[in-house]
Amino acid sequence: MKPSIVLSIIMTTIAFALMFYYVHLYTFCWVTFAVTFAWGMQDATLNNLVNCTLGFEFEDKLTPFSVQNFVQPLFVFAFMLVQAQIKTRQECGETIQYTIYFGCCLGMAWIALLILLSFDFRGKR
């Protein structure tokens, strides 16, 4: 699990770095495709990590996935409310709100992954 967490940290960093670059570039070019690819890879590594953790670290197999399927949409809703308040470049001419938003998201992702990295996983049964 530890190498998967390190890979997830790397993929998250790459995805956000490309996102920051794209936000400041703000034009359709190769970076658009690179962001999409990196974001997809980051999402795949993170979902794999979460599903393996939920599947192998808990005795009960129903409760962890049920809690995840309940909590995840609530956080998606909360983040969508925040995203709706961000002004686009056409509205304000700047990208500072996007930078702050994505910076906070990156900080929370790093904190969560570093906490998970310090987690003492079960050994093989």
C-alpha atoms as a PDB file:
ATOM      1  CA  MET A   1       0.000   0.000   0.000  1.00  0.00           C
ATOM      2  CA  LYS A   2       2.833   2.437   0.750  1.00  0.00           C
ATOM      3  CA  PRO A   3       4.173   2.448  -2.852  1.00  0.00           C
ATOM      4  CA  SER A   4       0.616   3.040  -4.089  1.00  0.00           C
ATOM      5  CA  ILE A   5       0.286   6.026  -1.779  1.00  0.00           C
ATOM      6  CA  VAL A   6       3.604   7.461  -2.983  1.00  0.00           C
ATOM      7  CA  LEU A   7       2.459   6.968  -6.599  1.00  0.00           C
ATOM      8  CA  SER A   8      -0.800   8.722  -5.762  1.00  0.00           C
ATOM      9  CA  ILE A   9       1.105  11.668  -4.233  1.00  0.00           C
ATOM     10  CA  ILE A  10       3.236  11.924  -7.382  1.00  0.00           C
ATOM     11  CA  MET A  11       0.224  11.702  -9.712  1.00  0.00           C
ATOM     12  CA  THR A  12      -1.666  14.288  -7.657  1.00  0.00           C
ATOM     13  CA  THR A  13       1.285  16.666  -7.790  1.00  0.00           C
ATOM     14  CA  ILE A  14       1.662  16.248 -11.566  1.00  0.00           C
ATOM     15  CA  ALA A  15      -2.077  16.700 -12.167  1.00  0.00           C
ATOM     16  CA  PHE A  16      -2.244  19.861 -10.078  1.00  0.00           C
ATOM     17  CA  ALA A  17       0.972  21.279 -11.581  1.00  0.00           C
ATOM     18  CA  LEU A  18      -0.494  20.880 -15.052  1.00  0.00           C
ATOM     19  CA  MET A  19      -3.774  22.359 -13.822  1.00  0.00           C
ATOM     20  CA  PHE A  20      -1.996  25.442 -12.431  1.00  0.00           C
ATOM     21  CA  TYR A  21      -0.128  25.836 -15.713  1.00  0.00           C
ATOM     22  CA  TYR A  22      -3.333  25.496 -17.732  1.00  0.00           C
ATOM     23  CA  VAL A  23      -5.244  27.968 -15.530  1.00  0.00           C
ATOM     24  CA  HIS A  24      -2.603  30.629 -16.134  1.00  0.00           C
ATOM     25  CA  LEU A  25      -2.160  29.748 -19.813  1.00  0.00           C
ATOM     26  CA  TYR A  26      -5.928  29.651 -20.401  1.00  0.00           C
ATOM     27  CA  THR A  27      -5.838  28.578 -24.045  1.00  0.00           C
ATOM     28  CA  PHE A  28      -6.732  25.370 -25.871  1.00  0.00           C
ATOM     29  CA  CYS A  29      -3.494  23.543 -26.718  1.00  0.00           C
ATOM     30  CA  TRP A  30      -1.569  20.381 -25.855  1.00  0.00           C
ATOM     31  CA  VAL A  31      -1.773  21.241 -22.157  1.00  0.00           C
ATOM     32  CA  THR A  32      -5.532  20.661 -22.299  1.00  0.00           C
ATOM     33  CA  PHE A  33      -4.977  17.029 -23.234  1.00  0.00           C
ATOM     34  CA  ALA A  34      -2.112  16.615 -20.771  1.00  0.00           C
ATOM     35  CA  VAL A  35      -4.300  17.907 -17.906  1.00  0.00           C
ATOM     36  CA  THR A  36      -7.100  15.537 -18.871  1.00  0.00           C
ATOM     37  CA  PHE A  37      -4.732  12.555 -19.054  1.00  0.00           C
ATOM     38  CA  ALA A  38      -2.941  13.410 -15.788  1.00  0.00           C
ATOM     39  CA  TRP A  39      -6.226  14.041 -13.979  1.00  0.00           C
ATOM     40  CA  GLY A  40      -7.578  10.696 -15.179  1.00  0.00           C
ATOM     41  CA  MET A  41      -4.444   8.877 -14.034  1.00  0.00           C
ATOM     42  CA  GLN A  42      -4.577  10.624 -10.667  1.00  0.00           C
ATOM     43  CA  ASP A  43      -8.245   9.736 -10.268  1.00  0.00           C
ATOM     44  CA  ALA A  44      -7.565   6.090 -11.155  1.00  0.00           C
ATOM     45  CA  THR A  45      -4.685   5.748  -8.676  1.00  0.00           C
ATOM     46  CA  LEU A  46      -6.664   7.408  -5.911  1.00  0.00           C
ATOM     47  CA  ASN A  47      -9.825   5.341  -6.505  1.00  0.00           C
ATOM     48  CA  ASN A  48      -7.765   2.149  -6.583  1.00  0.00           C
ATOM     49  CA  LEU A  49      -6.066   3.128  -3.331  1.00  0.00           C
ATOM     50  CA  VAL A  50      -9.371   3.972  -1.615  1.00  0.00           C
ATOM     51  CA  ASN A  51     -11.101   0.787  -2.787  1.00  0.00           C
ATOM     52  CA  CYS A  52      -8.178  -1.412  -1.684  1.00  0.00           C
ATOM     53  CA  THR A  53      -8.059   0.299   1.695  1.00  0.00           C
ATOM     54  CA  LEU A  54     -11.798  -0.074   2.238  1.00  0.00           C
ATOM     55  CA  GLY A  55     -11.807  -3.659   1.022  1.00  0.00           C
ATOM     56  CA  PHE A  56      -8.814  -4.997   2.940  1.00  0.00           C
ATOM     57  CA  GLU A  57      -8.591  -2.952   6.123  1.00  0.00           C
ATOM     58  CA  PHE A  58     -12.082  -3.518   7.529  1.00  0.00           C
ATOM     59  CA  GLU A  59     -13.675  -6.731   8.739  1.00  0.00           C
ATOM     60  CA  ASP A  60     -17.133  -5.690   7.561  1.00  0.00           C
ATOM     61  CA  LYS A  61     -17.207  -5.278   3.789  1.00  0.00           C
ATOM     62  CA  LEU A  62     -20.538  -3.426   3.546  1.00  0.00           C
ATOM     63  CA  THR A  63     -20.171  -0.553   6.008  1.00  0.00           C
ATOM     64  CA  PRO A  64     -16.977   1.120   4.679  1.00  0.00           C
ATOM     65  CA  PHE A  65     -18.242   1.225   1.099  1.00  0.00           C
ATOM     66  CA  SER A  66     -21.663   2.409   2.269  1.00  0.00           C
ATOM     67  CA  VAL A  67     -20.111   5.249   4.253  1.00  0.00           C
ATOM     68  CA  GLN A  68     -17.925   6.200   1.284  1.00  0.00           C
ATOM     69  CA  ASN A  69     -20.919   6.204  -1.073  1.00  0.00           C
ATOM     70  CA  PHE A  70     -22.782   8.438   1.376  1.00  0.00           C
ATOM     71  CA  VAL A  71     -19.998  10.881   2.260  1.00  0.00           C
ATOM     72  CA  GLN A  72     -18.410  11.306  -1.192  1.00  0.00           C
ATOM     73  CA  PRO A  73     -21.491  12.909  -2.840  1.00  0.00           C
ATOM     74  CA  LEU A  74     -21.841  15.283   0.112  1.00  0.00           C
ATOM     75  CA  PHE A  75     -18.296  16.523  -0.402  1.00  0.00           C
ATOM     76  CA  VAL A  76     -18.823  16.748  -4.171  1.00  0.00           C
ATOM     77  CA  PHE A  77     -21.897  18.896  -3.493  1.00  0.00           C
ATOM     78  CA  ALA A  78     -19.974  21.130  -1.065  1.00  0.00           C
ATOM     79  CA  PHE A  79     -17.083  21.594  -3.513  1.00  0.00           C
ATOM     80  CA  MET A  80     -19.516  22.337  -6.349  1.00  0.00           C
ATOM     81  CA  LEU A  81     -21.060  25.104  -4.226  1.00  0.00           C
ATOM     82  CA  VAL A  82     -17.605  26.605  -3.720  1.00  0.00           C
ATOM     83  CA  GLN A  83     -16.735  26.243  -7.425  1.00  0.00           C
ATOM     84  CA  ALA A  84     -19.932  28.060  -8.387  1.00  0.00           C
ATOM     85  CA  GLN A  85     -18.656  31.139  -6.549  1.00  0.00           C
ATOM     86  CA  ILE A  86     -15.349  31.291  -8.436  1.00  0.00           C
ATOM     87  CA  LYS A  87     -15.265  34.007 -11.043  1.00  0.00           C
ATOM     88  CA  THR A  88     -13.877  33.069 -14.450  1.00  0.00           C
ATOM     89  CA  ARG A  89     -11.277  35.009 -16.382  1.00  0.00           C
ATOM     90  CA  GLN A  90     -13.995  36.550 -18.572  1.00  0.00           C
ATOM     91  CA  GLU A  91     -15.758  37.893 -15.484  1.00  0.00           C
ATOM     92  CA  CYS A  92     -12.804  39.380 -13.618  1.00  0.00           C
ATOM     93  CA  GLY A  93      -9.787  39.164 -15.932  1.00  0.00           C
ATOM     94  CA  GLU A  94      -7.638  37.285 -13.371  1.00  0.00           C
ATOM     95  CA  THR A  95      -6.928  33.722 -12.346  1.00  0.00           C
ATOM     96  CA  ILE A  96      -6.227  34.327  -8.646  1.00  0.00           C
ATOM     97  CA  GLN A  97      -9.474  32.701  -7.471  1.00  0.00           C
ATOM     98  CA  TYR A  98      -8.708  29.520  -9.418  1.00  0.00           C
ATOM     99  CA  THR A  99      -5.167  29.504  -8.050  1.00  0.00           C
ATOM    100  CA  ILE A 100      -6.350  29.834  -4.464  1.00  0.00           C
ATOM    101  CA  TYR A 101      -9.056  27.183  -4.925  1.00  0.00           C
ATOM    102  CA  PHE A 102      -6.776  24.625  -6.562  1.00  0.00           C
ATOM    103  CA  GLY A 103      -4.016  25.421  -4.059  1.00  0.00           C
ATOM    104  CA  CYS A 104      -6.372  24.642  -1.164  1.00  0.00           C
ATOM    105  CA  CYS A 105      -7.491  21.431  -2.890  1.00  0.00           C
ATOM    106  CA  LEU A 106      -3.857  20.388  -3.411  1.00  0.00           C
ATOM    107  CA  GLY A 107      -3.038  21.121   0.222  1.00  0.00           C
ATOM    108  CA  MET A 108      -5.961  19.014   1.440  1.00  0.00           C
ATOM    109  CA  ALA A 109      -5.002  16.183  -0.925  1.00  0.00           C
ATOM    110  CA  TRP A 110      -1.386  16.171   0.301  1.00  0.00           C
ATOM    111  CA  ILE A 111      -2.488  16.210   3.946  1.00  0.00           C
ATOM    112  CA  ALA A 112      -4.913  13.327   3.394  1.00  0.00           C
ATOM    113  CA  LEU A 113      -2.348  11.257   1.493  1.00  0.00           C
ATOM    114  CA  LEU A 114       0.400  11.917   4.050  1.00  0.00           C
ATOM    115  CA  ILE A 115      -1.957  10.853   6.852  1.00  0.00           C
ATOM    116  CA  LEU A 116      -2.712   7.698   4.876  1.00  0.00           C
ATOM    117  CA  LEU A 117       1.025   7.156   4.329  1.00  0.00           C
ATOM    118  CA  SER A 118       1.557   7.108   8.104  1.00  0.00           C
ATOM    119  CA  PHE A 119      -1.303   4.598   8.558  1.00  0.00           C
ATOM    120  CA  ASP A 120      -0.297   1.185   9.869  1.00  0.00           C
ATOM    121  CA  PHE A 121      -1.858  -1.231   7.361  1.00  0.00           C
ATOM    122  CA  ARG A 122      -2.685  -4.812   8.206  1.00  0.00           C
ATOM    123  CA  GLY A 123      -0.297  -7.518   7.139  1.00  0.00           C
ATOM    124  CA  LYS A 124      -1.228 -10.470   4.953  1.00  0.00           C
ATOM    125  CA  ARG A 125      -3.556 -12.960   6.619  1.00  0.00           C
END
